[in-house]
Amino acid sequence: METIRIQVDAETAQAYELASQEQLERLQLMLQLWSKEVMGRPQRTLEEMMEDIADQASANGLTPEVLQSILDVTFELS
């Protein structure tokens, strides 16, 4: 693994800082899947990419419930 830096808004940064280790690991997985899709196949529609990302995330244990818990942390900080 390598570490990268990305710019995000203050709310996202705060949610990231408050996230549990499990949430951080799942977020990292989501970012990895998303970046491979976006950078690997730019000719595909956003909907197609999102469907594939959802399928891959689900196969790796990121259920809709887990995703919702990650999103809840973000919106609780708003």
PDB file of N, CA and C in Angstrom:
ATOM      1  N   MET A   1       0.832  -1.183   0.000  1.00  0.00           N
ATOM      2  CA  MET A   1       0.000   0.000   0.000  1.00  0.00           C
ATOM      3  C   MET A   1       0.873   1.242   0.000  1.00  0.00           C
ATOM      4  N   GLU A   2       0.353   2.277  -0.622  1.00  0.00           N
ATOM      5  CA  GLU A   2       1.011   3.575  -0.606  1.00  0.00           C
ATOM      6  C   GLU A   2       0.040   4.606  -0.061  1.00  0.00           C
ATOM      7  N   THR A   3       0.584   5.672   0.465  1.00  0.00           N
ATOM      8  CA  THR A   3      -0.227   6.751   0.999  1.00  0.00           C
ATOM      9  C   THR A   3      -0.257   7.890  -0.005  1.00  0.00           C
ATOM     10  N   ILE A   4      -1.454   8.441  -0.232  1.00  0.00           N
ATOM     11  CA  ILE A   4      -1.606   9.613  -1.090  1.00  0.00           C
ATOM     12  C   ILE A   4      -2.355  10.677  -0.307  1.00  0.00           C
ATOM     13  N   ARG A   5      -2.303  11.892  -0.795  1.00  0.00           N
ATOM     14  CA  ARG A   5      -3.042  12.993  -0.168  1.00  0.00           C
ATOM     15  C   ARG A   5      -4.034  13.528  -1.177  1.00  0.00           C
ATOM     16  N   ILE A   6      -5.261  13.741  -0.721  1.00  0.00           N
ATOM     17  CA  ILE A   6      -6.278  14.348  -1.575  1.00  0.00           C
ATOM     18  C   ILE A   6      -6.940  15.477  -0.805  1.00  0.00           C
ATOM     19  N   GLN A   7      -7.416  16.466  -1.531  1.00  0.00           N
ATOM     20  CA  GLN A   7      -8.103  17.580  -0.889  1.00  0.00           C
ATOM     21  C   GLN A   7      -9.588  17.263  -0.795  1.00  0.00           C
ATOM     22  N   VAL A   8     -10.147  17.519   0.379  1.00  0.00           N
ATOM     23  CA  VAL A   8     -11.578  17.328   0.611  1.00  0.00           C
ATOM     24  C   VAL A   8     -12.086  18.518   1.409  1.00  0.00           C
ATOM     25  N   ASP A   9     -13.410  18.655   1.468  1.00  0.00           N
ATOM     26  CA  ASP A   9     -13.968  19.747   2.263  1.00  0.00           C
ATOM     27  C   ASP A   9     -13.803  19.439   3.755  1.00  0.00           C
ATOM     28  N   ALA A  10     -14.050  20.430   4.579  1.00  0.00           N
ATOM     29  CA  ALA A  10     -13.829  20.308   6.024  1.00  0.00           C
ATOM     30  C   ALA A  10     -14.701  19.223   6.650  1.00  0.00           C
ATOM     31  N   GLU A  11     -15.946  19.110   6.207  1.00  0.00           N
ATOM     32  CA  GLU A  11     -16.844  18.100   6.772  1.00  0.00           C
ATOM     33  C   GLU A  11     -16.347  16.688   6.485  1.00  0.00           C
ATOM     34  N   THR A  12     -15.870  16.472   5.269  1.00  0.00           N
ATOM     35  CA  THR A  12     -15.348  15.159   4.908  1.00  0.00           C
ATOM     36  C   THR A  12     -14.102  14.841   5.720  1.00  0.00           C
ATOM     37  N   ALA A  13     -13.235  15.815   5.879  1.00  0.00           N
ATOM     38  CA  ALA A  13     -12.019  15.612   6.669  1.00  0.00           C
ATOM     39  C   ALA A  13     -12.357  15.260   8.111  1.00  0.00           C
ATOM     40  N   GLN A  14     -13.331  15.945   8.676  1.00  0.00           N
ATOM     41  CA  GLN A  14     -13.719  15.680  10.058  1.00  0.00           C
ATOM     42  C   GLN A  14     -14.329  14.283  10.186  1.00  0.00           C
ATOM     43  N   ALA A  15     -15.167  13.904   9.234  1.00  0.00           N
ATOM     44  CA  ALA A  15     -15.768  12.570   9.260  1.00  0.00           C
ATOM     45  C   ALA A  15     -14.688  11.499   9.163  1.00  0.00           C
ATOM     46  N   TYR A  16     -13.690  11.740   8.332  1.00  0.00           N
ATOM     47  CA  TYR A  16     -12.588  10.789   8.181  1.00  0.00           C
ATOM     48  C   TYR A  16     -11.826  10.642   9.491  1.00  0.00           C
ATOM     49  N   GLU A  17     -11.564  11.749  10.141  1.00  0.00           N
ATOM     50  CA  GLU A  17     -10.827  11.721  11.408  1.00  0.00           C
ATOM     51  C   GLU A  17     -11.592  10.983  12.503  1.00  0.00           C
ATOM     52  N   LEU A  18     -12.914  11.030  12.467  1.00  0.00           N
ATOM     53  CA  LEU A  18     -13.734  10.406  13.500  1.00  0.00           C
ATOM     54  C   LEU A  18     -14.157   8.974  13.164  1.00  0.00           C
ATOM     55  N   ALA A  19     -13.848   8.519  11.966  1.00  0.00           N
ATOM     56  CA  ALA A  19     -14.276   7.187  11.531  1.00  0.00           C
ATOM     57  C   ALA A  19     -13.521   6.093  12.285  1.00  0.00           C
ATOM     58  N   SER A  20     -14.193   4.964  12.450  1.00  0.00           N
ATOM     59  CA  SER A  20     -13.560   3.805  13.086  1.00  0.00           C
ATOM     60  C   SER A  20     -12.564   3.174  12.111  1.00  0.00           C
ATOM     61  N   GLN A  21     -11.727   2.300  12.625  1.00  0.00           N
ATOM     62  CA  GLN A  21     -10.755   1.618  11.771  1.00  0.00           C
ATOM     63  C   GLN A  21     -11.471   0.813  10.689  1.00  0.00           C
ATOM     64  N   GLU A  22     -12.560   0.161  11.043  1.00  0.00           N
ATOM     65  CA  GLU A  22     -13.323  -0.615  10.068  1.00  0.00           C
ATOM     66  C   GLU A  22     -13.888   0.294   8.975  1.00  0.00           C
ATOM     67  N   GLN A  23     -14.416   1.441   9.354  1.00  0.00           N
ATOM     68  CA  GLN A  23     -14.949   2.376   8.364  1.00  0.00           C
ATOM     69  C   GLN A  23     -13.839   2.891   7.455  1.00  0.00           C
ATOM     70  N   LEU A  24     -12.662   3.156   8.015  1.00  0.00           N
ATOM     71  CA  LEU A  24     -11.542   3.629   7.205  1.00  0.00           C
ATOM     72  C   LEU A  24     -11.108   2.571   6.198  1.00  0.00           C
ATOM     73  N   GLU A  25     -11.049   1.325   6.634  1.00  0.00           N
ATOM     74  CA  GLU A  25     -10.658   0.242   5.730  1.00  0.00           C
ATOM     75  C   GLU A  25     -11.664   0.099   4.597  1.00  0.00           C
ATOM     76  N   ARG A  26     -12.921   0.217   4.909  1.00  0.00           N
ATOM     77  CA  ARG A  26     -13.956   0.094   3.877  1.00  0.00           C
ATOM     78  C   ARG A  26     -13.938   1.300   2.931  1.00  0.00           C
ATOM     79  N   LEU A  27     -13.674   2.458   3.463  1.00  0.00           N
ATOM     80  CA  LEU A  27     -13.552   3.645   2.625  1.00  0.00           C
ATOM     81  C   LEU A  27     -12.366   3.509   1.677  1.00  0.00           C
ATOM     82  N   GLN A  28     -11.253   2.998   2.183  1.00  0.00           N
ATOM     83  CA  GLN A  28     -10.085   2.780   1.335  1.00  0.00           C
ATOM     84  C   GLN A  28     -10.410   1.807   0.209  1.00  0.00           C
ATOM     85  N   LEU A  29     -11.150   0.752   0.529  1.00  0.00           N
ATOM     86  CA  LEU A  29     -11.557  -0.209  -0.489  1.00  0.00           C
ATOM     87  C   LEU A  29     -12.434   0.468  -1.539  1.00  0.00           C
ATOM     88  N   MET A  30     -13.384   1.279  -1.094  1.00  0.00           N
ATOM     89  CA  MET A  30     -14.251   1.991  -2.033  1.00  0.00           C
ATOM     90  C   MET A  30     -13.439   2.901  -2.951  1.00  0.00           C
ATOM     91  N   LEU A  31     -12.483   3.627  -2.390  1.00  0.00           N
ATOM     92  CA  LEU A  31     -11.656   4.523  -3.197  1.00  0.00           C
ATOM     93  C   LEU A  31     -10.814   3.751  -4.203  1.00  0.00           C
ATOM     94  N   GLN A  32     -10.281   2.611  -3.791  1.00  0.00           N
ATOM     95  CA  GLN A  32      -9.490   1.792  -4.705  1.00  0.00           C
ATOM     96  C   GLN A  32     -10.337   1.315  -5.873  1.00  0.00           C
ATOM     97  N   LEU A  33     -11.523   0.804  -5.565  1.00  0.00           N
ATOM     98  CA  LEU A  33     -12.413   0.320  -6.618  1.00  0.00           C
ATOM     99  C   LEU A  33     -12.836   1.452  -7.541  1.00  0.00           C
ATOM    100  N   TRP A  34     -13.198   2.572  -6.955  1.00  0.00           N
ATOM    101  CA  TRP A  34     -13.645   3.715  -7.745  1.00  0.00           C
ATOM    102  C   TRP A  34     -12.534   4.229  -8.657  1.00  0.00           C
ATOM    103  N   SER A  35     -11.331   4.379  -8.129  1.00  0.00           N
ATOM    104  CA  SER A  35     -10.241   4.928  -8.939  1.00  0.00           C
ATOM    105  C   SER A  35      -9.886   3.998 -10.090  1.00  0.00           C
ATOM    106  N   LYS A  36      -9.929   2.697  -9.863  1.00  0.00           N
ATOM    107  CA  LYS A  36      -9.649   1.752 -10.950  1.00  0.00           C
ATOM    108  C   LYS A  36     -10.701   1.870 -12.044  1.00  0.00           C
ATOM    109  N   GLU A  37     -11.943   2.035 -11.654  1.00  0.00           N
ATOM    110  CA  GLU A  37     -13.017   2.166 -12.632  1.00  0.00           C
ATOM    111  C   GLU A  37     -12.903   3.473 -13.412  1.00  0.00           C
ATOM    112  N   VAL A  38     -12.701   4.558 -12.717  1.00  0.00           N
ATOM    113  CA  VAL A  38     -12.661   5.870 -13.363  1.00  0.00           C
ATOM    114  C   VAL A  38     -11.447   5.997 -14.272  1.00  0.00           C
ATOM    115  N   MET A  39     -10.302   5.577 -13.796  1.00  0.00           N
ATOM    116  CA  MET A  39      -9.073   5.751 -14.564  1.00  0.00           C
ATOM    117  C   MET A  39      -8.851   4.642 -15.579  1.00  0.00           C
ATOM    118  N   GLY A  40      -9.468   3.498 -15.361  1.00  0.00           N
ATOM    119  CA  GLY A  40      -9.247   2.361 -16.242  1.00  0.00           C
ATOM    120  C   GLY A  40     -10.178   2.296 -17.429  1.00  0.00           C
ATOM    121  N   ARG A  41     -11.381   2.838 -17.295  1.00  0.00           N
ATOM    122  CA  ARG A  41     -12.381   2.713 -18.359  1.00  0.00           C
ATOM    123  C   ARG A  41     -13.181   4.004 -18.508  1.00  0.00           C
ATOM    124  N   PRO A  42     -12.568   5.084 -18.952  1.00  0.00           N
ATOM    125  CA  PRO A  42     -13.286   6.356 -19.021  1.00  0.00           C
ATOM    126  C   PRO A  42     -14.430   6.386 -20.030  1.00  0.00           C
ATOM    127  N   GLN A  43     -14.476   5.442 -20.958  1.00  0.00           N
ATOM    128  CA  GLN A  43     -15.525   5.444 -21.969  1.00  0.00           C
ATOM    129  C   GLN A  43     -16.860   4.928 -21.441  1.00  0.00           C
ATOM    130  N   ARG A  44     -16.882   4.370 -20.248  1.00  0.00           N
ATOM    131  CA  ARG A  44     -18.107   3.833 -19.674  1.00  0.00           C
ATOM    132  C   ARG A  44     -18.933   4.942 -19.030  1.00  0.00           C
ATOM    133  N   THR A  45     -20.233   4.709 -18.953  1.00  0.00           N
ATOM    134  CA  THR A  45     -21.099   5.701 -18.321  1.00  0.00           C
ATOM    135  C   THR A  45     -20.917   5.657 -16.806  1.00  0.00           C
ATOM    136  N   LEU A  46     -21.282   6.744 -16.168  1.00  0.00           N
ATOM    137  CA  LEU A  46     -21.201   6.808 -14.712  1.00  0.00           C
ATOM    138  C   LEU A  46     -22.066   5.721 -14.082  1.00  0.00           C
ATOM    139  N   GLU A  47     -23.239   5.510 -14.626  1.00  0.00           N
ATOM    140  CA  GLU A  47     -24.141   4.484 -14.079  1.00  0.00           C
ATOM    141  C   GLU A  47     -23.515   3.093 -14.166  1.00  0.00           C
ATOM    142  N   GLU A  48     -22.883   2.777 -15.296  1.00  0.00           N
ATOM    143  CA  GLU A  48     -22.219   1.479 -15.442  1.00  0.00           C
ATOM    144  C   GLU A  48     -21.098   1.321 -14.421  1.00  0.00           C
ATOM    145  N   MET A  49     -20.308   2.368 -14.254  1.00  0.00           N
ATOM    146  CA  MET A  49     -19.214   2.311 -13.288  1.00  0.00           C
ATOM    147  C   MET A  49     -19.748   2.131 -11.877  1.00  0.00           C
ATOM    148  N   MET A  50     -20.804   2.852 -11.543  1.00  0.00           N
ATOM    149  CA  MET A  50     -21.367   2.759 -10.200  1.00  0.00           C
ATOM    150  C   MET A  50     -21.929   1.364  -9.929  1.00  0.00           C
ATOM    151  N   GLU A  51     -22.549   0.759 -10.929  1.00  0.00           N
ATOM    152  CA  GLU A  51     -23.069  -0.601 -10.768  1.00  0.00           C
ATOM    153  C   GLU A  51     -21.935  -1.591 -10.536  1.00  0.00           C
ATOM    154  N   ASP A  52     -20.858  -1.470 -11.312  1.00  0.00           N
ATOM    155  CA  ASP A  52     -19.712  -2.364 -11.137  1.00  0.00           C
ATOM    156  C   ASP A  52     -19.040  -2.160  -9.784  1.00  0.00           C
ATOM    157  N   ILE A  53     -18.900  -0.918  -9.382  1.00  0.00           N
ATOM    158  CA  ILE A  53     -18.294  -0.625  -8.077  1.00  0.00           C
ATOM    159  C   ILE A  53     -19.147  -1.225  -6.967  1.00  0.00           C
ATOM    160  N   ALA A  54     -20.458  -1.079  -7.076  1.00  0.00           N
ATOM    161  CA  ALA A  54     -21.359  -1.643  -6.065  1.00  0.00           C
ATOM    162  C   ALA A  54     -21.226  -3.161  -6.007  1.00  0.00           C
ATOM    163  N   ASP A  55     -21.143  -3.803  -7.170  1.00  0.00           N
ATOM    164  CA  ASP A  55     -20.984  -5.261  -7.208  1.00  0.00           C
ATOM    165  C   ASP A  55     -19.672  -5.692  -6.563  1.00  0.00           C
ATOM    166  N   GLN A  56     -18.581  -5.005  -6.911  1.00  0.00           N
ATOM    167  CA  GLN A  56     -17.273  -5.348  -6.357  1.00  0.00           C
ATOM    168  C   GLN A  56     -17.224  -5.069  -4.861  1.00  0.00           C
ATOM    169  N   ALA A  57     -17.786  -3.966  -4.450  1.00  0.00           N
ATOM    170  CA  ALA A  57     -17.794  -3.623  -3.029  1.00  0.00           C
ATOM    171  C   ALA A  57     -18.583  -4.663  -2.243  1.00  0.00           C
ATOM    172  N   SER A  58     -19.720  -5.069  -2.767  1.00  0.00           N
ATOM    173  CA  SER A  58     -20.540  -6.083  -2.106  1.00  0.00           C
ATOM    174  C   SER A  58     -19.786  -7.402  -2.009  1.00  0.00           C
ATOM    175  N   ALA A  59     -19.085  -7.763  -3.069  1.00  0.00           N
ATOM    176  CA  ALA A  59     -18.299  -9.001  -3.060  1.00  0.00           C
ATOM    177  C   ALA A  59     -17.182  -8.951  -2.027  1.00  0.00           C
ATOM    178  N   ASN A  60     -16.739  -7.750  -1.679  1.00  0.00           N
ATOM    179  CA  ASN A  60     -15.674  -7.574  -0.690  1.00  0.00           C
ATOM    180  C   ASN A  60     -16.206  -7.228   0.697  1.00  0.00           C
ATOM    181  N   GLY A  61     -17.499  -7.411   0.910  1.00  0.00           N
ATOM    182  CA  GLY A  61     -18.069  -7.229   2.239  1.00  0.00           C
ATOM    183  C   GLY A  61     -18.637  -5.858   2.545  1.00  0.00           C
ATOM    184  N   LEU A  62     -18.637  -4.967   1.575  1.00  0.00           N
ATOM    185  CA  LEU A  62     -19.196  -3.632   1.809  1.00  0.00           C
ATOM    186  C   LEU A  62     -20.680  -3.665   1.456  1.00  0.00           C
ATOM    187  N   THR A  63     -21.483  -3.992   2.433  1.00  0.00           N
ATOM    188  CA  THR A  63     -22.926  -4.105   2.229  1.00  0.00           C
ATOM    189  C   THR A  63     -23.566  -2.718   2.246  1.00  0.00           C
ATOM    190  N   PRO A  64     -24.801  -2.604   1.759  1.00  0.00           N
ATOM    191  CA  PRO A  64     -25.487  -1.308   1.832  1.00  0.00           C
ATOM    192  C   PRO A  64     -25.564  -0.775   3.261  1.00  0.00           C
ATOM    193  N   GLU A  65     -25.703  -1.679   4.234  1.00  0.00           N
ATOM    194  CA  GLU A  65     -25.783  -1.254   5.631  1.00  0.00           C
ATOM    195  C   GLU A  65     -24.462  -0.649   6.108  1.00  0.00           C
ATOM    196  N   VAL A  66     -23.353  -1.261   5.725  1.00  0.00           N
ATOM    197  CA  VAL A  66     -22.041  -0.735   6.122  1.00  0.00           C
ATOM    198  C   VAL A  66     -21.809   0.609   5.453  1.00  0.00           C
ATOM    199  N   LEU A  67     -22.145   0.706   4.174  1.00  0.00           N
ATOM    200  CA  LEU A  67     -21.999   1.975   3.469  1.00  0.00           C
ATOM    201  C   LEU A  67     -22.838   3.054   4.143  1.00  0.00           C
ATOM    202  N   GLN A  68     -24.055   2.710   4.522  1.00  0.00           N
ATOM    203  CA  GLN A  68     -24.911   3.690   5.188  1.00  0.00           C
ATOM    204  C   GLN A  68     -24.291   4.153   6.497  1.00  0.00           C
ATOM    205  N   SER A  69     -23.658   3.239   7.236  1.00  0.00           N
ATOM    206  CA  SER A  69     -23.035   3.641   8.504  1.00  0.00           C
ATOM    207  C   SER A  69     -21.884   4.604   8.258  1.00  0.00           C
ATOM    208  N   ILE A  70     -21.157   4.420   7.164  1.00  0.00           N
ATOM    209  CA  ILE A  70     -20.081   5.350   6.808  1.00  0.00           C
ATOM    210  C   ILE A  70     -20.677   6.711   6.462  1.00  0.00           C
ATOM    211  N   LEU A  71     -21.740   6.703   5.678  1.00  0.00           N
ATOM    212  CA  LEU A  71     -22.382   7.958   5.297  1.00  0.00           C
ATOM    213  C   LEU A  71     -22.996   8.656   6.500  1.00  0.00           C
ATOM    214  N   ASP A  72     -23.538   7.885   7.435  1.00  0.00           N
ATOM    215  CA  ASP A  72     -24.140   8.471   8.632  1.00  0.00           C
ATOM    216  C   ASP A  72     -23.125   9.273   9.426  1.00  0.00           C
ATOM    217  N   VAL A  73     -21.897   8.781   9.508  1.00  0.00           N
ATOM    218  CA  VAL A  73     -20.850   9.513  10.228  1.00  0.00           C
ATOM    219  C   VAL A  73     -20.636  10.865   9.562  1.00  0.00           C
ATOM    220  N   THR A  74     -20.617  10.880   8.243  1.00  0.00           N
ATOM    221  CA  THR A  74     -20.407  12.122   7.511  1.00  0.00           C
ATOM    222  C   THR A  74     -21.537  13.108   7.769  1.00  0.00           C
ATOM    223  N   PHE A  75     -22.774  12.645   7.693  1.00  0.00           N
ATOM    224  CA  PHE A  75     -23.907  13.548   7.828  1.00  0.00           C
ATOM    225  C   PHE A  75     -24.182  13.950   9.268  1.00  0.00           C
ATOM    226  N   GLU A  76     -23.758  13.141  10.229  1.00  0.00           N
ATOM    227  CA  GLU A  76     -23.917  13.519  11.631  1.00  0.00           C
ATOM    228  C   GLU A  76     -23.059  14.727  11.971  1.00  0.00           C
ATOM    229  N   LEU A  77     -21.985  14.900  11.226  1.00  0.00           N
ATOM    230  CA  LEU A  77     -21.072  16.007  11.485  1.00  0.00           C
ATOM    231  C   LEU A  77     -21.550  17.305  10.858  1.00  0.00           C
ATOM    232  N   SER A  78     -22.536  17.214   9.994  1.00  0.00           N
ATOM    233  CA  SER A  78     -23.028  18.414   9.303  1.00  0.00           C
ATOM    234  C   SER A  78     -23.815  19.308  10.227  1.00  0.00           C
TER     235      SER A  78
END
